[in-house]
Amino acid sequence: TPPASLSPDNRAPENLAPSEAEVLSMSATPTVQRPTGDAGAPAVLTPRERLELEGFEDRLREAVASQVAIRHRADGAGKIEIAYYSTADLERVMDRLLGP
């Protein structure tokens, strides 16, 4: 069972800079599109794979106490995006990842 999600952020996306608003508006469900033959295209995930990635996002979100998105590509590689809202928040996230 994946860990419970964090409580929602009290900041409204419309009050944030565009890049932050985009991160906050992302669904917890990874982007799934049909590959175009390009290895860098988003992966087409089975329901089980989608649940697994959502579980990873939930665990990371809980660990860093910030918004997290996993972008999984068709070639198996991908990106993990972690949102932060200030320099102090970045330092907090880094401490959560690497320890004080």
N, C-alpha and C. Protein backbone atom coordinates (compact mmCIF):
# COMPACT_ATOMS: atom_id res chain seq x y z
N THR A 1 0.86 -1.18 0.00
CA THR A 1 0.00 0.00 0.00
C THR A 1 0.89 1.22 0.00
N PRO A 2 0.71 2.13 -0.98
CA PRO A 2 1.54 3.33 -1.02
C PRO A 2 1.20 4.25 0.14
N PRO A 3 2.19 5.04 0.62
CA PRO A 3 1.94 5.95 1.72
C PRO A 3 0.89 7.00 1.35
N ALA A 4 0.23 7.53 2.35
CA ALA A 4 -0.80 8.55 2.12
C ALA A 4 -0.15 9.82 1.57
N SER A 5 -0.88 10.53 0.73
CA SER A 5 -0.39 11.78 0.17
C SER A 5 -0.33 12.85 1.24
N LEU A 6 0.50 13.84 1.00
CA LEU A 6 0.57 14.97 1.91
C LEU A 6 -0.67 15.82 1.81
N SER A 7 -0.94 16.57 2.84
CA SER A 7 -2.08 17.48 2.77
C SER A 7 -1.82 18.50 1.68
N PRO A 8 -2.87 19.02 1.01
CA PRO A 8 -2.68 19.94 -0.10
C PRO A 8 -2.02 21.23 0.35
N ASP A 9 -1.24 21.79 -0.56
CA ASP A 9 -0.57 23.06 -0.31
C ASP A 9 -1.64 24.15 -0.27
N ASN A 10 -1.52 25.08 0.69
CA ASN A 10 -2.53 26.14 0.82
C ASN A 10 -2.32 27.28 -0.16
N ARG A 11 -1.31 27.19 -1.00
CA ARG A 11 -1.09 28.23 -2.00
C ARG A 11 -1.85 27.91 -3.27
N ALA A 12 -2.61 28.87 -3.75
CA ALA A 12 -3.37 28.67 -4.99
C ALA A 12 -2.44 28.80 -6.18
N PRO A 13 -2.53 27.90 -7.17
CA PRO A 13 -1.64 27.96 -8.34
C PRO A 13 -1.67 29.30 -9.05
N GLU A 14 -2.80 29.99 -9.06
CA GLU A 14 -2.86 31.26 -9.78
C GLU A 14 -2.03 32.35 -9.11
N ASN A 15 -1.60 32.14 -7.85
CA ASN A 15 -0.80 33.13 -7.14
C ASN A 15 0.70 32.85 -7.24
N LEU A 16 1.08 31.83 -7.97
CA LEU A 16 2.48 31.45 -8.10
C LEU A 16 3.01 31.85 -9.47
N ALA A 17 4.33 31.86 -9.58
CA ALA A 17 4.97 32.09 -10.87
C ALA A 17 4.56 30.96 -11.81
N PRO A 18 4.54 31.19 -13.12
CA PRO A 18 4.06 30.16 -14.06
C PRO A 18 4.71 28.80 -13.89
N SER A 19 6.02 28.72 -13.71
CA SER A 19 6.65 27.41 -13.59
C SER A 19 6.18 26.68 -12.34
N GLU A 20 5.99 27.39 -11.24
CA GLU A 20 5.48 26.77 -10.02
C GLU A 20 4.03 26.35 -10.19
N ALA A 21 3.23 27.19 -10.85
CA ALA A 21 1.82 26.86 -11.07
C ALA A 21 1.70 25.60 -11.91
N GLU A 22 2.58 25.46 -12.91
CA GLU A 22 2.54 24.27 -13.75
C GLU A 22 2.86 23.03 -12.91
N VAL A 23 3.85 23.13 -12.03
CA VAL A 23 4.21 21.98 -11.20
C VAL A 23 3.07 21.62 -10.28
N LEU A 24 2.42 22.63 -9.66
CA LEU A 24 1.34 22.36 -8.73
C LEU A 24 0.10 21.81 -9.42
N SER A 25 -0.09 22.16 -10.70
CA SER A 25 -1.29 21.71 -11.39
C SER A 25 -1.13 20.32 -11.99
N MET A 26 0.07 19.75 -11.91
CA MET A 26 0.29 18.42 -12.46
C MET A 26 -0.50 17.39 -11.68
N SER A 27 -1.05 16.47 -12.39
CA SER A 27 -1.76 15.36 -11.77
C SER A 27 -0.76 14.42 -11.13
N ALA A 28 -1.19 13.70 -10.13
CA ALA A 28 -0.32 12.69 -9.51
C ALA A 28 -0.09 11.53 -10.47
N THR A 29 -0.93 11.40 -11.49
CA THR A 29 -0.80 10.34 -12.47
C THR A 29 0.23 10.74 -13.52
N PRO A 30 1.23 9.90 -13.77
CA PRO A 30 2.23 10.24 -14.78
C PRO A 30 1.59 10.43 -16.16
N THR A 31 2.20 11.30 -16.97
CA THR A 31 1.72 11.55 -18.32
C THR A 31 1.86 10.29 -19.15
N VAL A 32 0.78 9.90 -19.81
CA VAL A 32 0.81 8.70 -20.64
C VAL A 32 0.34 9.09 -22.03
N GLN A 33 1.23 8.97 -23.00
CA GLN A 33 0.90 9.26 -24.40
C GLN A 33 1.48 8.15 -25.25
N ARG A 34 0.95 8.02 -26.45
CA ARG A 34 1.48 7.01 -27.35
C ARG A 34 2.85 7.45 -27.87
N PRO A 35 3.83 6.53 -27.84
CA PRO A 35 5.14 6.88 -28.37
C PRO A 35 5.06 7.16 -29.87
N THR A 36 5.92 8.05 -30.33
CA THR A 36 5.95 8.39 -31.74
C THR A 36 7.10 7.69 -32.45
N GLY A 37 7.63 6.63 -31.81
CA GLY A 37 8.79 5.95 -32.37
C GLY A 37 10.08 6.53 -31.81
N ASP A 38 10.00 7.66 -31.12
CA ASP A 38 11.14 8.31 -30.52
C ASP A 38 11.37 7.69 -29.14
N ALA A 39 12.61 7.29 -28.84
CA ALA A 39 12.91 6.68 -27.54
C ALA A 39 12.63 7.64 -26.39
N GLY A 40 12.65 8.96 -26.67
CA GLY A 40 12.39 9.95 -25.64
C GLY A 40 10.91 10.24 -25.43
N ALA A 41 10.04 9.55 -26.16
CA ALA A 41 8.60 9.76 -26.04
C ALA A 41 8.10 9.22 -24.71
N PRO A 42 7.01 9.81 -24.17
CA PRO A 42 6.44 9.28 -22.93
C PRO A 42 6.05 7.81 -23.10
N ALA A 43 6.22 7.05 -22.04
CA ALA A 43 5.92 5.62 -22.07
C ALA A 43 4.42 5.38 -22.03
N VAL A 44 4.00 4.33 -22.68
CA VAL A 44 2.62 3.85 -22.56
C VAL A 44 2.67 2.83 -21.42
N LEU A 45 2.00 3.15 -20.33
CA LEU A 45 2.10 2.33 -19.12
C LEU A 45 0.90 1.42 -18.96
N THR A 46 1.15 0.23 -18.45
CA THR A 46 0.06 -0.66 -18.08
C THR A 46 -0.54 -0.11 -16.78
N PRO A 47 -1.75 -0.51 -16.42
CA PRO A 47 -2.32 -0.06 -15.15
C PRO A 47 -1.41 -0.38 -13.96
N ARG A 48 -0.78 -1.54 -13.98
CA ARG A 48 0.12 -1.91 -12.88
C ARG A 48 1.33 -0.98 -12.82
N GLU A 49 1.93 -0.68 -13.98
CA GLU A 49 3.08 0.24 -14.03
C GLU A 49 2.68 1.63 -13.56
N ARG A 50 1.50 2.09 -13.97
CA ARG A 50 1.00 3.40 -13.56
C ARG A 50 0.86 3.46 -12.04
N LEU A 51 0.29 2.41 -11.44
CA LEU A 51 0.14 2.36 -9.98
C LEU A 51 1.51 2.36 -9.29
N GLU A 52 2.45 1.64 -9.87
CA GLU A 52 3.79 1.59 -9.30
C GLU A 52 4.44 2.98 -9.32
N LEU A 53 4.34 3.68 -10.45
CA LEU A 53 4.91 5.03 -10.54
C LEU A 53 4.19 5.99 -9.59
N GLU A 54 2.88 5.88 -9.46
CA GLU A 54 2.14 6.72 -8.52
C GLU A 54 2.61 6.46 -7.09
N GLY A 55 2.88 5.19 -6.78
CA GLY A 55 3.40 4.85 -5.46
C GLY A 55 4.77 5.47 -5.22
N PHE A 56 5.63 5.44 -6.25
CA PHE A 56 6.95 6.07 -6.14
C PHE A 56 6.79 7.57 -5.90
N GLU A 57 5.89 8.21 -6.67
CA GLU A 57 5.66 9.65 -6.49
C GLU A 57 5.17 9.94 -5.07
N ASP A 58 4.24 9.15 -4.58
CA ASP A 58 3.72 9.34 -3.22
C ASP A 58 4.83 9.22 -2.18
N ARG A 59 5.68 8.21 -2.33
CA ARG A 59 6.77 8.01 -1.37
C ARG A 59 7.75 9.17 -1.40
N LEU A 60 8.11 9.62 -2.60
CA LEU A 60 9.02 10.76 -2.72
C LEU A 60 8.38 12.04 -2.18
N ARG A 61 7.11 12.25 -2.51
CA ARG A 61 6.37 13.43 -2.04
C ARG A 61 6.38 13.47 -0.51
N GLU A 62 6.17 12.32 0.11
CA GLU A 62 6.18 12.26 1.57
C GLU A 62 7.59 12.49 2.11
N ALA A 63 8.60 11.95 1.45
CA ALA A 63 9.98 12.08 1.92
C ALA A 63 10.49 13.52 1.86
N VAL A 64 10.13 14.25 0.80
CA VAL A 64 10.64 15.62 0.65
C VAL A 64 9.62 16.69 1.03
N ALA A 65 8.39 16.29 1.31
CA ALA A 65 7.32 17.21 1.70
C ALA A 65 7.16 18.33 0.67
N SER A 66 7.11 17.94 -0.60
CA SER A 66 6.93 18.88 -1.70
C SER A 66 6.31 18.13 -2.88
N GLN A 67 5.86 18.87 -3.88
CA GLN A 67 5.28 18.26 -5.07
C GLN A 67 6.36 17.51 -5.85
N VAL A 68 6.01 16.32 -6.35
CA VAL A 68 6.94 15.48 -7.10
C VAL A 68 6.23 14.95 -8.34
N ALA A 69 6.95 14.90 -9.45
CA ALA A 69 6.41 14.30 -10.68
C ALA A 69 7.49 13.40 -11.29
N ILE A 70 7.09 12.21 -11.71
CA ILE A 70 8.00 11.29 -12.39
C ILE A 70 7.59 11.24 -13.85
N ARG A 71 8.53 11.50 -14.75
CA ARG A 71 8.31 11.44 -16.20
C ARG A 71 9.05 10.21 -16.72
N HIS A 72 8.31 9.18 -17.07
CA HIS A 72 8.89 7.91 -17.53
C HIS A 72 8.79 7.84 -19.04
N ARG A 73 9.93 7.59 -19.71
CA ARG A 73 9.95 7.53 -21.17
C ARG A 73 9.86 6.11 -21.67
N ALA A 74 9.55 5.98 -22.95
CA ALA A 74 9.40 4.67 -23.59
C ALA A 74 10.68 3.85 -23.53
N ASP A 75 11.85 4.49 -23.50
CA ASP A 75 13.11 3.75 -23.46
C ASP A 75 13.50 3.32 -22.05
N GLY A 76 12.63 3.61 -21.06
CA GLY A 76 12.89 3.20 -19.68
C GLY A 76 13.57 4.26 -18.84
N ALA A 77 14.13 5.29 -19.47
CA ALA A 77 14.76 6.39 -18.74
C ALA A 77 13.68 7.40 -18.35
N GLY A 78 14.04 8.43 -17.63
CA GLY A 78 13.05 9.44 -17.28
C GLY A 78 13.63 10.52 -16.40
N LYS A 79 12.73 11.29 -15.80
CA LYS A 79 13.11 12.41 -14.93
C LYS A 79 12.24 12.39 -13.70
N ILE A 80 12.81 12.86 -12.59
CA ILE A 80 12.06 13.11 -11.37
C ILE A 80 12.12 14.61 -11.13
N GLU A 81 10.96 15.25 -11.04
CA GLU A 81 10.89 16.69 -10.79
C GLU A 81 10.39 16.93 -9.37
N ILE A 82 11.12 17.77 -8.62
CA ILE A 82 10.73 18.13 -7.26
C ILE A 82 10.58 19.65 -7.22
N ALA A 83 9.39 20.10 -6.82
CA ALA A 83 9.12 21.54 -6.76
C ALA A 83 9.65 22.13 -5.45
N TYR A 84 10.12 23.38 -5.52
CA TYR A 84 10.46 24.16 -4.33
C TYR A 84 10.05 25.59 -4.60
N TYR A 85 9.85 26.37 -3.53
CA TYR A 85 9.20 27.67 -3.66
C TYR A 85 10.04 28.85 -3.21
N SER A 86 11.24 28.58 -2.72
CA SER A 86 12.16 29.64 -2.31
C SER A 86 13.53 29.00 -2.11
N THR A 87 14.55 29.82 -1.91
CA THR A 87 15.87 29.28 -1.64
C THR A 87 15.87 28.49 -0.34
N ALA A 88 15.17 29.00 0.67
CA ALA A 88 15.09 28.29 1.95
C ALA A 88 14.37 26.94 1.77
N ASP A 89 13.34 26.92 0.93
CA ASP A 89 12.62 25.67 0.68
C ASP A 89 13.51 24.68 -0.07
N LEU A 90 14.33 25.16 -1.00
CA LEU A 90 15.28 24.29 -1.70
C LEU A 90 16.25 23.67 -0.70
N GLU A 91 16.75 24.48 0.22
CA GLU A 91 17.66 23.96 1.24
C GLU A 91 16.96 22.90 2.10
N ARG A 92 15.69 23.13 2.44
CA ARG A 92 14.91 22.16 3.22
C ARG A 92 14.77 20.85 2.46
N VAL A 93 14.44 20.94 1.17
CA VAL A 93 14.30 19.74 0.34
C VAL A 93 15.63 19.00 0.26
N MET A 94 16.73 19.73 0.05
CA MET A 94 18.05 19.09 -0.01
C MET A 94 18.40 18.41 1.30
N ASP A 95 18.08 19.04 2.42
CA ASP A 95 18.32 18.41 3.72
C ASP A 95 17.51 17.12 3.87
N ARG A 96 16.28 17.13 3.37
CA ARG A 96 15.44 15.92 3.45
C ARG A 96 16.03 14.81 2.58
N LEU A 97 16.59 15.18 1.43
CA LEU A 97 17.18 14.18 0.52
C LEU A 97 18.53 13.66 1.00
N LEU A 98 19.39 14.59 1.44
CA LEU A 98 20.77 14.24 1.72
C LEU A 98 21.13 14.22 3.20
N GLY A 99 20.24 14.69 4.04
CA GLY A 99 20.52 14.81 5.46
C GLY A 99 21.16 16.17 5.75
N PRO A 100 21.06 16.61 6.99
CA PRO A 100 21.62 17.94 7.35
C PRO A 100 23.13 17.98 7.28
